[in-house]
Amino acid sequence: MFLEADAFQSIVASTPLVSIDLIVQNQSDEILLGQRLNRPAQGYWFVPGGRIYKNESLDAAFRRLTEVELGQAFARENAALLNIYEHFYNDSVFGDTQDTHYVVVAYTLKLPSGCVLQPPAIQHGRYRWWSKPDLLASDDVHVHTRAYIA
């Protein structure tokens, strides 16, 4: 269910959001990151992902988010649950006067051989494959993303 801005702002101010993050690995064991266009974590390199909608099953959310974020739908059964995380931000999509709290269900998705992604530049301005050592060493990669790899 898509919410109007006023309703969503009230929810962000009052409750945690539940989301799925996608730790996407290619055949070279590199991780796909996008440079975020929007708050929170604006400007940082971050894994693809997004919110789960009300009345949306995890399977449906996973399929929708992989299609929207990666340009190709994948089934949740093809991924492995990494863990559940909490993300706290001092800002939100509405600016720097409202904080955001996410409960994140993180999945690792290993791409099949020959799979080429063409993610849209909607949430992220550009994308890049990162080696794990480079990802962990870069201050441009958000701390929440580095926590998935550490």
N, C-alpha and C. Protein backbone atom coordinates (compact mmCIF):
# COMPACT_ATOMS: atom_id res chain seq x y z
N MET A 1 0.84 -1.17 0.00
CA MET A 1 0.00 0.00 0.00
C MET A 1 0.89 1.24 0.00
N PHE A 2 0.72 2.08 -0.98
CA PHE A 2 1.45 3.34 -1.06
C PHE A 2 0.71 4.39 -0.25
N LEU A 3 1.45 5.17 0.54
CA LEU A 3 0.84 6.15 1.44
C LEU A 3 1.05 7.58 0.94
N GLU A 4 0.08 8.43 1.22
CA GLU A 4 0.24 9.86 0.96
C GLU A 4 1.32 10.41 1.89
N ALA A 5 1.95 11.51 1.51
CA ALA A 5 3.09 12.06 2.25
C ALA A 5 2.76 12.37 3.70
N ASP A 6 1.60 12.96 3.97
CA ASP A 6 1.24 13.30 5.36
C ASP A 6 1.11 12.06 6.22
N ALA A 7 0.46 11.03 5.71
CA ALA A 7 0.30 9.79 6.46
C ALA A 7 1.66 9.13 6.70
N PHE A 8 2.50 9.11 5.67
CA PHE A 8 3.80 8.48 5.80
C PHE A 8 4.67 9.26 6.80
N GLN A 9 4.61 10.57 6.78
CA GLN A 9 5.40 11.38 7.71
C GLN A 9 4.99 11.08 9.16
N SER A 10 3.71 10.91 9.39
CA SER A 10 3.22 10.57 10.72
C SER A 10 3.73 9.20 11.16
N ILE A 11 3.76 8.26 10.24
CA ILE A 11 4.26 6.91 10.55
C ILE A 11 5.75 6.95 10.86
N VAL A 12 6.53 7.66 10.05
CA VAL A 12 7.98 7.76 10.29
C VAL A 12 8.24 8.39 11.66
N ALA A 13 7.42 9.34 12.05
CA ALA A 13 7.59 10.02 13.34
C ALA A 13 7.19 9.13 14.51
N SER A 14 6.35 8.11 14.26
CA SER A 14 5.74 7.37 15.36
C SER A 14 6.19 5.93 15.52
N THR A 15 6.65 5.31 14.46
CA THR A 15 6.92 3.87 14.52
C THR A 15 8.16 3.51 13.71
N PRO A 16 8.73 2.33 13.96
CA PRO A 16 9.80 1.86 13.08
C PRO A 16 9.22 1.44 11.73
N LEU A 17 10.03 1.54 10.70
CA LEU A 17 9.69 1.03 9.38
C LEU A 17 10.35 -0.34 9.24
N VAL A 18 9.72 -1.23 8.51
CA VAL A 18 10.28 -2.55 8.26
C VAL A 18 10.71 -2.60 6.80
N SER A 19 11.94 -3.04 6.57
CA SER A 19 12.46 -3.03 5.20
C SER A 19 13.26 -4.29 4.92
N ILE A 20 13.56 -4.47 3.65
CA ILE A 20 14.45 -5.54 3.18
C ILE A 20 15.66 -4.87 2.55
N ASP A 21 16.85 -5.30 2.95
CA ASP A 21 18.08 -4.89 2.28
C ASP A 21 18.65 -6.08 1.52
N LEU A 22 19.23 -5.79 0.37
CA LEU A 22 19.71 -6.81 -0.56
C LEU A 22 21.23 -6.73 -0.67
N ILE A 23 21.91 -7.73 -0.16
CA ILE A 23 23.36 -7.82 -0.31
C ILE A 23 23.57 -8.70 -1.54
N VAL A 24 23.75 -8.04 -2.68
CA VAL A 24 23.81 -8.71 -3.98
C VAL A 24 25.27 -8.97 -4.32
N GLN A 25 25.59 -10.25 -4.59
CA GLN A 25 26.96 -10.65 -4.91
C GLN A 25 27.02 -11.20 -6.33
N ASN A 26 28.07 -10.80 -7.05
CA ASN A 26 28.29 -11.36 -8.38
C ASN A 26 29.20 -12.59 -8.28
N GLN A 27 29.56 -13.15 -9.42
CA GLN A 27 30.38 -14.36 -9.45
C GLN A 27 31.80 -14.12 -8.95
N SER A 28 32.23 -12.86 -8.90
CA SER A 28 33.56 -12.52 -8.37
C SER A 28 33.51 -12.18 -6.88
N ASP A 29 32.36 -12.43 -6.25
CA ASP A 29 32.15 -12.17 -4.82
C ASP A 29 32.19 -10.68 -4.48
N GLU A 30 31.92 -9.83 -5.48
CA GLU A 30 31.81 -8.39 -5.25
C GLU A 30 30.37 -8.07 -4.86
N ILE A 31 30.21 -6.95 -4.15
CA ILE A 31 28.91 -6.52 -3.64
C ILE A 31 28.44 -5.30 -4.43
N LEU A 32 27.17 -5.32 -4.85
CA LEU A 32 26.59 -4.19 -5.57
C LEU A 32 26.13 -3.12 -4.59
N LEU A 33 26.64 -1.90 -4.77
CA LEU A 33 26.20 -0.76 -3.97
C LEU A 33 25.77 0.36 -4.91
N GLY A 34 24.83 1.15 -4.43
CA GLY A 34 24.40 2.34 -5.14
C GLY A 34 24.63 3.57 -4.28
N GLN A 35 24.91 4.69 -4.93
CA GLN A 35 25.09 5.94 -4.19
C GLN A 35 23.73 6.60 -4.01
N ARG A 36 23.29 6.71 -2.76
CA ARG A 36 21.93 7.15 -2.45
C ARG A 36 21.66 8.60 -2.84
N LEU A 37 20.50 8.80 -3.45
CA LEU A 37 20.06 10.14 -3.83
C LEU A 37 19.23 10.80 -2.73
N ASN A 38 18.57 10.00 -1.91
CA ASN A 38 17.61 10.52 -0.94
C ASN A 38 18.06 10.29 0.49
N ARG A 39 17.46 11.06 1.39
CA ARG A 39 17.63 10.82 2.82
C ARG A 39 16.82 9.59 3.20
N PRO A 40 17.16 8.90 4.25
CA PRO A 40 18.40 9.01 5.02
C PRO A 40 19.57 8.39 4.27
N ALA A 41 20.76 8.64 4.76
CA ALA A 41 22.00 8.12 4.17
C ALA A 41 22.29 8.71 2.80
N GLN A 42 21.78 9.88 2.52
CA GLN A 42 21.98 10.55 1.23
C GLN A 42 23.46 10.73 0.94
N GLY A 43 23.87 10.37 -0.28
CA GLY A 43 25.25 10.53 -0.71
C GLY A 43 26.15 9.35 -0.40
N TYR A 44 25.73 8.49 0.50
CA TYR A 44 26.53 7.31 0.85
C TYR A 44 26.28 6.17 -0.14
N TRP A 45 27.26 5.30 -0.25
CA TRP A 45 27.09 4.04 -0.97
C TRP A 45 26.37 3.08 -0.04
N PHE A 46 25.34 2.44 -0.56
CA PHE A 46 24.46 1.62 0.27
C PHE A 46 23.94 0.46 -0.57
N VAL A 47 23.59 -0.63 0.08
CA VAL A 47 22.99 -1.75 -0.64
C VAL A 47 21.59 -1.36 -1.11
N PRO A 48 21.11 -1.98 -2.19
CA PRO A 48 19.73 -1.75 -2.61
C PRO A 48 18.75 -2.32 -1.57
N GLY A 49 17.54 -1.84 -1.60
CA GLY A 49 16.51 -2.34 -0.69
C GLY A 49 15.37 -1.36 -0.59
N GLY A 50 14.45 -1.64 0.32
CA GLY A 50 13.32 -0.75 0.50
C GLY A 50 12.32 -1.27 1.50
N ARG A 51 11.29 -0.47 1.72
CA ARG A 51 10.27 -0.77 2.72
C ARG A 51 9.34 -1.89 2.27
N ILE A 52 8.86 -2.61 3.27
CA ILE A 52 7.79 -3.59 3.07
C ILE A 52 6.47 -2.85 3.30
N TYR A 53 5.52 -3.03 2.39
CA TYR A 53 4.23 -2.37 2.51
C TYR A 53 3.28 -3.16 3.42
N LYS A 54 2.30 -2.47 3.98
CA LYS A 54 1.28 -3.14 4.78
C LYS A 54 0.56 -4.17 3.91
N ASN A 55 0.32 -5.33 4.49
CA ASN A 55 -0.36 -6.45 3.84
C ASN A 55 0.44 -7.05 2.69
N GLU A 56 1.72 -6.74 2.61
CA GLU A 56 2.59 -7.32 1.58
C GLU A 56 3.41 -8.44 2.23
N SER A 57 3.34 -9.62 1.67
CA SER A 57 4.13 -10.73 2.21
C SER A 57 5.62 -10.49 1.96
N LEU A 58 6.46 -11.18 2.72
CA LEU A 58 7.90 -11.07 2.49
C LEU A 58 8.26 -11.50 1.07
N ASP A 59 7.62 -12.57 0.58
CA ASP A 59 7.90 -13.03 -0.78
C ASP A 59 7.54 -11.97 -1.81
N ALA A 60 6.37 -11.36 -1.65
CA ALA A 60 5.94 -10.32 -2.60
C ALA A 60 6.83 -9.09 -2.50
N ALA A 61 7.19 -8.70 -1.29
CA ALA A 61 8.07 -7.54 -1.11
C ALA A 61 9.44 -7.80 -1.72
N PHE A 62 9.97 -8.99 -1.52
CA PHE A 62 11.28 -9.32 -2.08
C PHE A 62 11.25 -9.24 -3.60
N ARG A 63 10.22 -9.82 -4.20
CA ARG A 63 10.09 -9.80 -5.67
C ARG A 63 9.95 -8.36 -6.17
N ARG A 64 9.10 -7.56 -5.52
CA ARG A 64 8.90 -6.16 -5.93
C ARG A 64 10.18 -5.36 -5.78
N LEU A 65 10.84 -5.50 -4.64
CA LEU A 65 12.05 -4.70 -4.39
C LEU A 65 13.20 -5.09 -5.31
N THR A 66 13.35 -6.37 -5.61
CA THR A 66 14.42 -6.74 -6.55
C THR A 66 14.12 -6.19 -7.94
N GLU A 67 12.87 -6.20 -8.34
CA GLU A 67 12.54 -5.64 -9.66
C GLU A 67 12.76 -4.13 -9.68
N VAL A 68 12.29 -3.43 -8.66
CA VAL A 68 12.40 -1.97 -8.61
C VAL A 68 13.85 -1.53 -8.42
N GLU A 69 14.59 -2.21 -7.56
CA GLU A 69 15.95 -1.79 -7.21
C GLU A 69 17.02 -2.36 -8.13
N LEU A 70 16.79 -3.56 -8.66
CA LEU A 70 17.82 -4.21 -9.48
C LEU A 70 17.46 -4.26 -10.96
N GLY A 71 16.20 -3.98 -11.29
CA GLY A 71 15.77 -4.04 -12.68
C GLY A 71 15.39 -5.44 -13.11
N GLN A 72 15.36 -6.38 -12.18
CA GLN A 72 15.02 -7.77 -12.47
C GLN A 72 14.46 -8.40 -11.20
N ALA A 73 13.33 -9.10 -11.33
CA ALA A 73 12.71 -9.73 -10.17
C ALA A 73 13.39 -11.05 -9.84
N PHE A 74 13.58 -11.26 -8.55
CA PHE A 74 14.12 -12.52 -8.04
C PHE A 74 13.18 -13.02 -6.94
N ALA A 75 13.11 -14.33 -6.77
CA ALA A 75 12.31 -14.93 -5.71
C ALA A 75 13.12 -14.97 -4.42
N ARG A 76 12.44 -14.78 -3.30
CA ARG A 76 13.11 -14.81 -2.00
C ARG A 76 13.75 -16.17 -1.73
N GLU A 77 13.18 -17.22 -2.28
CA GLU A 77 13.74 -18.57 -2.07
C GLU A 77 15.14 -18.71 -2.69
N ASN A 78 15.52 -17.79 -3.58
CA ASN A 78 16.85 -17.81 -4.18
C ASN A 78 17.88 -17.05 -3.37
N ALA A 79 17.45 -16.48 -2.24
CA ALA A 79 18.34 -15.70 -1.38
C ALA A 79 18.50 -16.40 -0.04
N ALA A 80 19.47 -15.93 0.73
CA ALA A 80 19.70 -16.46 2.07
C ALA A 80 19.52 -15.34 3.09
N LEU A 81 18.76 -15.63 4.14
CA LEU A 81 18.59 -14.65 5.21
C LEU A 81 19.93 -14.43 5.89
N LEU A 82 20.36 -13.18 5.93
CA LEU A 82 21.62 -12.84 6.60
C LEU A 82 21.37 -12.61 8.09
N ASN A 83 20.45 -11.70 8.42
CA ASN A 83 20.13 -11.40 9.81
C ASN A 83 19.08 -10.30 9.84
N ILE A 84 18.66 -9.95 11.05
CA ILE A 84 17.77 -8.82 11.29
C ILE A 84 18.62 -7.72 11.92
N TYR A 85 18.45 -6.49 11.45
CA TYR A 85 19.26 -5.36 11.92
C TYR A 85 18.35 -4.21 12.31
N GLU A 86 18.87 -3.30 13.13
CA GLU A 86 18.21 -2.04 13.45
C GLU A 86 19.06 -0.91 12.89
N HIS A 87 18.42 0.00 12.18
CA HIS A 87 19.10 1.18 11.66
C HIS A 87 18.43 2.42 12.23
N PHE A 88 19.23 3.28 12.82
CA PHE A 88 18.75 4.55 13.36
C PHE A 88 19.43 5.68 12.60
N TYR A 89 18.64 6.62 12.13
CA TYR A 89 19.15 7.77 11.38
C TYR A 89 18.68 9.05 12.06
N ASN A 90 19.50 10.09 11.99
CA ASN A 90 19.14 11.39 12.57
C ASN A 90 18.28 12.23 11.64
N ASP A 91 18.05 11.74 10.41
CA ASP A 91 17.22 12.46 9.45
C ASP A 91 16.22 11.50 8.84
N SER A 92 15.43 12.01 7.91
CA SER A 92 14.43 11.19 7.23
C SER A 92 14.24 11.74 5.83
N VAL A 93 13.42 11.07 5.07
CA VAL A 93 13.09 11.54 3.72
C VAL A 93 12.46 12.93 3.78
N PHE A 94 11.97 13.33 4.94
CA PHE A 94 11.31 14.63 5.10
C PHE A 94 12.26 15.73 5.55
N GLY A 95 13.53 15.43 5.74
CA GLY A 95 14.50 16.44 6.12
C GLY A 95 15.28 16.06 7.36
N ASP A 96 16.00 17.04 7.90
CA ASP A 96 16.88 16.74 9.03
C ASP A 96 16.24 17.03 10.39
N THR A 97 14.95 17.33 10.41
CA THR A 97 14.28 17.60 11.68
C THR A 97 13.54 16.39 12.23
N GLN A 98 13.50 15.31 11.47
CA GLN A 98 12.79 14.10 11.90
C GLN A 98 13.71 12.90 11.71
N ASP A 99 13.82 12.06 12.73
CA ASP A 99 14.68 10.89 12.62
C ASP A 99 13.91 9.71 12.02
N THR A 100 14.65 8.64 11.71
CA THR A 100 14.06 7.44 11.12
C THR A 100 14.62 6.21 11.83
N HIS A 101 13.74 5.25 12.07
CA HIS A 101 14.12 3.97 12.69
C HIS A 101 13.64 2.86 11.76
N TYR A 102 14.57 2.02 11.32
CA TYR A 102 14.24 0.87 10.47
C TYR A 102 14.54 -0.42 11.21
N VAL A 103 13.69 -1.40 11.04
CA VAL A 103 14.00 -2.79 11.35
C VAL A 103 14.21 -3.45 9.99
N VAL A 104 15.42 -3.96 9.77
CA VAL A 104 15.83 -4.40 8.44
C VAL A 104 16.01 -5.92 8.41
N VAL A 105 15.37 -6.54 7.44
CA VAL A 105 15.56 -7.96 7.16
C VAL A 105 16.55 -8.01 5.99
N ALA A 106 17.77 -8.47 6.27
CA ALA A 106 18.83 -8.45 5.25
C ALA A 106 18.99 -9.83 4.63
N TYR A 107 19.05 -9.85 3.31
CA TYR A 107 19.22 -11.08 2.55
C TYR A 107 20.46 -10.98 1.67
N THR A 108 21.15 -12.09 1.52
CA THR A 108 22.24 -12.20 0.55
C THR A 108 21.68 -12.87 -0.70
N LEU A 109 21.91 -12.24 -1.84
CA LEU A 109 21.46 -12.77 -3.12
C LEU A 109 22.67 -12.94 -4.02
N LYS A 110 23.04 -14.20 -4.28
CA LYS A 110 24.16 -14.49 -5.18
C LYS A 110 23.60 -14.64 -6.58
N LEU A 111 24.09 -13.80 -7.48
CA LEU A 111 23.58 -13.80 -8.84
C LEU A 111 24.06 -15.04 -9.59
N PRO A 112 23.19 -15.61 -10.41
CA PRO A 112 23.61 -16.75 -11.22
C PRO A 112 24.62 -16.32 -12.28
N SER A 113 25.41 -17.25 -12.73
CA SER A 113 26.41 -16.98 -13.76
C SER A 113 25.73 -16.38 -14.99
N GLY A 114 26.33 -15.34 -15.53
CA GLY A 114 25.82 -14.69 -16.73
C GLY A 114 24.73 -13.66 -16.48
N CYS A 115 24.30 -13.52 -15.25
CA CYS A 115 23.25 -12.54 -14.93
C CYS A 115 23.83 -11.13 -14.98
N VAL A 116 23.20 -10.27 -15.76
CA VAL A 116 23.62 -8.88 -15.87
C VAL A 116 22.47 -8.00 -15.39
N LEU A 117 22.74 -7.20 -14.39
CA LEU A 117 21.71 -6.31 -13.85
C LEU A 117 21.78 -4.94 -14.52
N GLN A 118 20.62 -4.32 -14.67
CA GLN A 118 20.54 -2.94 -15.13
C GLN A 118 19.63 -2.17 -14.17
N PRO A 119 20.17 -1.85 -12.99
CA PRO A 119 19.33 -1.18 -11.99
C PRO A 119 18.98 0.24 -12.41
N PRO A 120 17.74 0.64 -12.16
CA PRO A 120 17.33 2.00 -12.51
C PRO A 120 17.91 3.02 -11.54
N ALA A 121 18.16 4.22 -12.02
CA ALA A 121 18.72 5.29 -11.18
C ALA A 121 17.58 6.09 -10.55
N ILE A 122 16.86 5.45 -9.63
CA ILE A 122 15.75 6.11 -8.94
C ILE A 122 16.15 6.45 -7.51
N GLN A 123 16.52 5.44 -6.74
CA GLN A 123 16.97 5.65 -5.36
C GLN A 123 18.47 5.91 -5.28
N HIS A 124 19.19 5.40 -6.27
CA HIS A 124 20.65 5.53 -6.31
C HIS A 124 21.05 6.17 -7.64
N GLY A 125 21.95 7.16 -7.59
CA GLY A 125 22.36 7.87 -8.79
C GLY A 125 23.29 7.06 -9.67
N ARG A 126 24.08 6.23 -9.05
CA ARG A 126 24.98 5.36 -9.81
C ARG A 126 25.24 4.12 -8.99
N TYR A 127 25.72 3.09 -9.67
CA TYR A 127 25.97 1.79 -9.05
C TYR A 127 27.40 1.37 -9.32
N ARG A 128 27.89 0.53 -8.44
CA ARG A 128 29.26 0.03 -8.59
C ARG A 128 29.38 -1.29 -7.84
N TRP A 129 30.19 -2.19 -8.42
CA TRP A 129 30.55 -3.43 -7.73
C TRP A 129 31.77 -3.17 -6.85
N TRP A 130 31.72 -3.57 -5.59
CA TRP A 130 32.79 -3.34 -4.63
C TRP A 130 33.36 -4.66 -4.14
N SER A 131 34.67 -4.74 -4.05
CA SER A 131 35.28 -5.87 -3.35
C SER A 131 35.01 -5.69 -1.86
N LYS A 132 35.00 -6.78 -1.12
CA LYS A 132 34.74 -6.67 0.31
C LYS A 132 35.80 -5.83 1.03
N PRO A 133 37.10 -6.01 0.74
CA PRO A 133 38.09 -5.16 1.42
C PRO A 133 37.91 -3.67 1.11
N ASP A 134 37.62 -3.33 -0.15
CA ASP A 134 37.42 -1.91 -0.51
C ASP A 134 36.17 -1.34 0.17
N LEU A 135 35.11 -2.12 0.20
CA LEU A 135 33.86 -1.71 0.84
C LEU A 135 34.10 -1.43 2.32
N LEU A 136 34.78 -2.33 3.00
CA LEU A 136 35.02 -2.19 4.43
C LEU A 136 35.95 -1.02 4.75
N ALA A 137 36.83 -0.67 3.82
CA ALA A 137 37.82 0.39 4.07
C ALA A 137 37.32 1.78 3.72
N SER A 138 36.21 1.89 3.01
CA SER A 138 35.76 3.19 2.50
C SER A 138 34.80 3.89 3.46
N ASP A 139 35.11 5.13 3.79
CA ASP A 139 34.20 5.97 4.58
C ASP A 139 33.01 6.44 3.75
N ASP A 140 33.08 6.27 2.42
CA ASP A 140 31.96 6.63 1.55
C ASP A 140 30.85 5.58 1.58
N VAL A 141 31.18 4.39 2.08
CA VAL A 141 30.19 3.33 2.25
C VAL A 141 29.58 3.49 3.65
N HIS A 142 28.27 3.52 3.71
CA HIS A 142 27.59 3.76 4.99
C HIS A 142 27.92 2.66 5.99
N VAL A 143 28.00 3.05 7.25
CA VAL A 143 28.34 2.12 8.33
C VAL A 143 27.35 0.94 8.39
N HIS A 144 26.08 1.17 8.09
CA HIS A 144 25.11 0.07 8.11
C HIS A 144 25.39 -0.95 7.01
N THR A 145 25.86 -0.49 5.87
CA THR A 145 26.24 -1.41 4.80
C THR A 145 27.50 -2.18 5.18
N ARG A 146 28.48 -1.49 5.74
CA ARG A 146 29.71 -2.18 6.17
C ARG A 146 29.41 -3.25 7.21
N ALA A 147 28.40 -3.03 8.04
CA ALA A 147 28.04 -4.01 9.08
C ALA A 147 27.56 -5.33 8.47
N TYR A 148 26.99 -5.30 7.28
CA TYR A 148 26.54 -6.53 6.63
C TYR A 148 27.72 -7.42 6.23
N ILE A 149 28.86 -6.81 5.99
CA ILE A 149 30.02 -7.53 5.45
C ILE A 149 31.01 -7.91 6.54
N ALA A 150 31.08 -7.09 7.58
CA ALA A 150 32.08 -7.29 8.64
C ALA A 150 31.90 -8.62 9.36
